[in-house]
Amino acid sequence: MALRTLSAKNAAVLDQELMTAGAFSIDQLMELAGLSVSQALYRLQPLSKGMRILVACGPGNNGGDGLVAARHLWHYGYQPTVYYPKQPKNELYQRLRKQLEDLKVPFTNDFPTALQSTDHIIDAIFGFSFSGEVREPFPSVIEALRDTKIPVLAVDAPSSWNIEEGPPSEGPGKGFMPDALISLTAPKPLVKWYTGRHFLGGRFLGKHMAEKYGLDVPNYEGLDQVVEVPVEGEGEKL
């Protein structure tokens, strides 16, 4: 049975409630999300299969999750490289970048070249709050993610997909189907069209909050921050 999904509107409301009634800070939620992403990557790409990870980060919270994941991956023994072309001046994101700089994690502005020397890619460009047109410099990046043979792990949503309606029928994201997707907190409606491996992460949702939003909390095993869940997508609209 497919897990119940969380709309973009309710995802934003839930995040806000977690930070008010739930007493989480945005730093905590981002840290737990990024940790989940790093563990999903570890399952997909053990160190023995290749250590080079390219993390493509957007300017919002999804990009922040990618920055946190890159830090954890460095500590696991990977060699992350971060593509982060639009960096907000917000203190949180500046601190996340500084943490990576202190570890000597390289940043690049040349995505095509970085793509030629990596073993796996994390797509942390756009998340559940994305809507509208894909703006520069991301159209060519998303096209490259679509066309590459290197495996891609998408964070919460394949970048350019509509959260409610799935993959776009035109534009740079048309035909983009990443190899794996990690949904954070809960799957979004777009999973109806998704056909790759699907993970759920964000092990911070209590039973009361899950029931309030009509969500399923799967059984995470032991110390795991992620759990692989069934995919029932049919791949429509590609």
Protein backbone atom coordinates (compact mmCIF):
# COMPACT_ATOMS: atom_id res chain seq x y z
CA MET A 1 0.00 0.00 0.00
CA ALA A 2 1.35 3.43 -0.96
CA LEU A 3 2.12 5.91 1.80
CA ARG A 4 -0.19 8.87 2.15
CA THR A 5 1.22 12.07 0.66
CA LEU A 6 1.61 15.63 1.90
CA SER A 7 0.71 18.58 -0.35
CA ALA A 8 3.12 21.49 -0.78
CA LYS A 9 0.78 23.76 1.20
CA ASN A 10 0.48 21.32 4.09
CA ALA A 11 4.22 20.61 4.01
CA ALA A 12 4.87 24.31 4.62
CA VAL A 13 2.26 24.40 7.41
CA LEU A 14 3.72 21.26 9.01
CA ASP A 15 7.24 22.70 8.93
CA GLN A 16 5.96 25.83 10.63
CA GLU A 17 4.12 23.82 13.27
CA LEU A 18 7.23 21.74 13.94
CA MET A 19 9.08 24.99 14.63
CA THR A 20 6.37 26.43 16.88
CA ALA A 21 4.34 23.79 18.69
CA GLY A 22 7.07 21.20 18.08
CA ALA A 23 9.88 23.48 19.32
CA PHE A 24 12.28 22.51 16.55
CA SER A 25 14.57 25.13 15.05
CA ILE A 26 15.07 25.35 11.30
CA ASP A 27 18.70 24.38 11.93
CA GLN A 28 17.58 21.14 13.57
CA LEU A 29 15.14 20.24 10.81
CA MET A 30 17.73 20.96 8.12
CA GLU A 31 20.38 18.96 9.98
CA LEU A 32 18.09 15.94 10.29
CA ALA A 33 17.01 16.25 6.66
CA GLY A 34 20.60 16.49 5.41
CA LEU A 35 21.62 13.55 7.59
CA SER A 36 18.82 11.51 6.02
CA VAL A 37 19.99 12.46 2.53
CA SER A 38 23.55 11.38 3.35
CA GLN A 39 22.36 8.01 4.62
CA ALA A 40 20.26 7.43 1.49
CA LEU A 41 23.33 8.21 -0.63
CA TYR A 42 25.39 5.79 1.45
CA ARG A 43 22.89 3.01 0.70
CA LEU A 44 22.89 3.80 -3.01
CA GLN A 45 26.62 4.44 -3.39
CA PRO A 46 28.80 2.54 -0.91
CA LEU A 47 32.35 3.89 -0.70
CA SER A 48 33.56 0.81 -2.56
CA LYS A 49 31.52 1.90 -5.62
CA GLY A 50 33.03 5.38 -5.82
CA MET A 51 33.69 8.24 -3.43
CA ARG A 52 33.19 11.29 -5.66
CA ILE A 53 29.83 12.98 -5.00
CA LEU A 54 28.61 16.11 -6.79
CA VAL A 55 26.01 18.01 -4.74
CA ALA A 56 23.94 20.53 -6.74
CA CYS A 57 22.37 23.04 -4.36
CA GLY A 58 19.66 25.61 -4.97
CA PRO A 59 19.20 28.87 -3.04
CA GLY A 60 16.54 27.65 -0.60
CA ASN A 61 16.04 25.06 2.13
CA ASN A 62 16.52 22.21 -0.34
CA GLY A 63 19.98 23.53 -1.06
CA GLY A 64 20.62 23.79 2.66
CA ASP A 65 19.76 20.10 3.01
CA GLY A 66 22.34 19.41 0.30
CA LEU A 67 25.03 21.38 2.14
CA VAL A 68 24.38 19.43 5.34
CA ALA A 69 24.46 16.15 3.40
CA ALA A 70 27.81 17.09 1.86
CA ARG A 71 29.30 17.66 5.31
CA HIS A 72 28.13 14.29 6.59
CA LEU A 73 29.36 12.57 3.43
CA TRP A 74 32.82 14.07 3.95
CA HIS A 75 32.89 12.59 7.45
CA TYR A 76 31.86 9.19 6.03
CA GLY A 77 34.93 9.25 3.78
CA TYR A 78 33.43 10.53 0.51
CA GLN A 79 34.87 13.32 -1.63
CA PRO A 80 31.99 15.77 -2.13
CA THR A 81 32.10 18.72 -4.50
CA VAL A 82 29.41 21.38 -4.17
CA TYR A 83 27.80 23.37 -6.98
CA TYR A 84 26.10 26.35 -5.31
CA PRO A 85 25.69 29.17 -7.85
CA LYS A 86 23.03 31.22 -6.01
CA GLN A 87 24.02 31.67 -2.39
CA PRO A 88 21.67 33.57 -0.08
CA LYS A 89 23.07 36.02 2.47
CA ASN A 90 21.04 34.37 5.24
CA GLU A 91 23.30 33.56 8.20
CA LEU A 92 22.23 29.90 8.30
CA TYR A 93 23.38 29.20 4.75
CA GLN A 94 26.59 31.15 5.28
CA ARG A 95 27.40 29.00 8.30
CA LEU A 96 26.69 25.79 6.37
CA ARG A 97 29.08 26.92 3.65
CA LYS A 98 31.74 27.89 6.21
CA GLN A 99 31.53 24.43 7.77
CA LEU A 100 32.30 22.88 4.39
CA GLU A 101 35.09 25.34 3.65
CA ASP A 102 36.72 24.46 6.97
CA LEU A 103 36.75 20.81 5.83
CA LYS A 104 38.31 21.88 2.51
CA VAL A 105 35.27 20.63 0.58
CA PRO A 106 35.60 22.22 -2.88
CA PHE A 107 32.94 24.46 -4.43
CA THR A 108 32.64 24.75 -8.19
CA ASN A 109 30.90 27.07 -10.63
CA ASP A 110 31.57 24.74 -13.58
CA PHE A 111 28.84 22.11 -13.42
CA PRO A 112 29.58 20.41 -16.78
CA THR A 113 33.22 19.84 -15.87
CA ALA A 114 32.37 18.61 -12.37
CA LEU A 115 29.85 16.21 -13.89
CA GLN A 116 32.64 14.51 -15.84
CA SER A 117 34.50 13.47 -12.69
CA THR A 118 31.89 12.25 -10.23
CA ASP A 119 30.39 8.89 -9.28
CA HIS A 120 27.00 10.05 -8.00
CA ILE A 121 24.97 13.28 -7.97
CA ILE A 122 22.66 14.75 -5.35
CA ASP A 123 19.94 16.98 -6.81
CA ALA A 124 19.21 19.48 -4.02
CA ILE A 125 18.18 22.36 -6.28
CA PHE A 126 14.41 22.69 -5.83
CA GLY A 127 12.17 21.16 -3.17
CA PHE A 128 8.50 21.19 -2.22
CA SER A 129 8.20 25.00 -2.41
CA PHE A 130 9.21 25.16 -6.09
CA SER A 131 6.73 26.57 -8.58
CA GLY A 132 6.88 28.53 -11.80
CA GLU A 133 9.72 28.84 -14.27
CA VAL A 134 13.20 27.39 -13.88
CA ARG A 135 15.58 30.36 -13.98
CA GLU A 136 19.26 30.63 -14.85
CA PRO A 137 21.66 29.06 -14.26
CA PHE A 138 19.56 25.99 -13.52
CA PRO A 139 17.89 25.07 -16.87
CA SER A 140 21.12 23.68 -18.32
CA VAL A 141 21.95 21.96 -15.03
CA ILE A 142 18.60 20.16 -14.93
CA GLU A 143 19.00 19.18 -18.59
CA ALA A 144 22.40 17.71 -17.70
CA LEU A 145 20.86 15.79 -14.78
CA ARG A 146 18.23 14.44 -17.16
CA ASP A 147 20.73 13.34 -19.78
CA THR A 148 23.60 11.99 -17.67
CA LYS A 149 24.25 8.29 -17.18
CA ILE A 150 25.61 8.99 -13.69
CA PRO A 151 23.08 8.06 -10.97
CA VAL A 152 21.12 10.92 -9.41
CA LEU A 153 19.50 11.11 -5.98
CA ALA A 154 16.81 13.82 -5.81
CA VAL A 155 16.03 15.52 -2.50
CA ASP A 156 12.27 15.70 -1.79
CA ALA A 157 11.44 16.33 -5.46
CA PRO A 158 13.16 15.91 -8.81
CA SER A 159 14.10 19.50 -9.62
CA SER A 160 11.59 21.23 -11.98
CA TRP A 161 8.79 18.78 -11.12
CA ASN A 162 5.47 20.21 -9.95
CA ILE A 163 4.84 18.99 -6.41
CA GLU A 164 1.18 18.24 -7.09
CA GLU A 165 1.23 17.36 -10.79
CA GLY A 166 4.54 15.61 -11.34
CA PRO A 167 7.03 16.01 -14.21
CA PRO A 168 6.74 18.93 -16.60
CA SER A 169 5.44 18.36 -20.10
CA GLU A 170 7.94 20.85 -21.52
CA GLY A 171 11.06 22.71 -20.50
CA PRO A 172 14.43 21.53 -19.16
CA GLY A 173 12.92 18.97 -16.77
CA LYS A 174 10.85 17.14 -19.38
CA GLY A 175 11.92 13.49 -19.26
CA PHE A 176 13.92 13.88 -16.03
CA MET A 177 13.55 10.73 -13.92
CA PRO A 178 16.30 10.48 -11.28
CA ASP A 179 17.45 7.05 -10.19
CA ALA A 180 16.42 7.65 -6.58
CA LEU A 181 14.28 10.04 -4.57
CA ILE A 182 14.32 10.75 -0.86
CA SER A 183 11.07 12.24 0.42
CA LEU A 184 11.53 14.28 3.59
CA THR A 185 8.96 13.95 6.40
CA ALA A 186 6.41 12.46 3.97
CA PRO A 187 6.06 11.74 0.25
CA LYS A 188 4.63 14.52 -1.89
CA PRO A 189 1.87 13.92 -4.49
CA LEU A 190 4.43 13.83 -7.32
CA VAL A 191 5.45 10.30 -6.28
CA LYS A 192 2.46 9.09 -8.30
CA TRP A 193 4.62 9.65 -11.40
CA TYR A 194 7.93 8.52 -9.94
CA THR A 195 9.36 5.11 -10.88
CA GLY A 196 12.87 4.90 -9.34
CA ARG A 197 13.99 3.84 -5.86
CA HIS A 198 12.18 5.76 -3.14
CA PHE A 199 13.39 6.52 0.37
CA LEU A 200 11.68 8.31 3.23
CA GLY A 201 13.73 10.39 5.66
CA GLY A 202 13.27 12.88 8.47
CA ARG A 203 12.88 10.76 11.55
CA PHE A 204 11.39 13.44 13.78
CA LEU A 205 7.64 13.17 13.24
CA GLY A 206 5.73 12.06 16.33
CA LYS A 207 2.58 9.97 16.30
CA HIS A 208 0.29 12.84 17.30
CA MET A 209 1.58 15.14 14.54
CA ALA A 210 1.45 12.37 11.95
CA GLU A 211 -2.18 11.60 12.82
CA LYS A 212 -3.10 15.29 12.65
CA TYR A 213 -1.82 15.50 9.07
CA GLY A 214 -2.99 12.03 8.07
CA LEU A 215 0.51 10.69 7.48
CA ASP A 216 2.13 7.29 7.81
CA VAL A 217 5.30 6.87 9.86
CA PRO A 218 7.12 3.73 8.69
CA ASN A 219 9.27 1.62 10.98
CA TYR A 220 12.81 2.95 10.87
CA GLU A 221 15.29 0.25 11.84
CA GLY A 222 17.80 0.80 14.61
CA LEU A 223 19.90 3.93 14.02
CA ASP A 224 18.70 4.42 10.44
CA GLN A 225 17.41 7.86 9.45
CA VAL A 226 15.98 6.51 6.18
CA VAL A 227 13.76 3.66 5.09
CA GLU A 228 13.18 2.44 1.56
CA VAL A 229 9.50 2.41 0.64
CA PRO A 230 7.57 0.89 -2.27
CA VAL A 231 7.10 2.82 -5.49
CA GLU A 232 3.82 2.59 -7.35
CA GLY A 233 4.44 5.31 -9.92
CA GLU A 234 3.42 4.68 -13.48
CA GLY A 235 5.65 7.26 -15.10
CA GLU A 236 2.84 9.35 -16.61
CA LYS A 237 3.44 12.76 -18.16
CA LEU A 238 7.07 12.22 -19.12
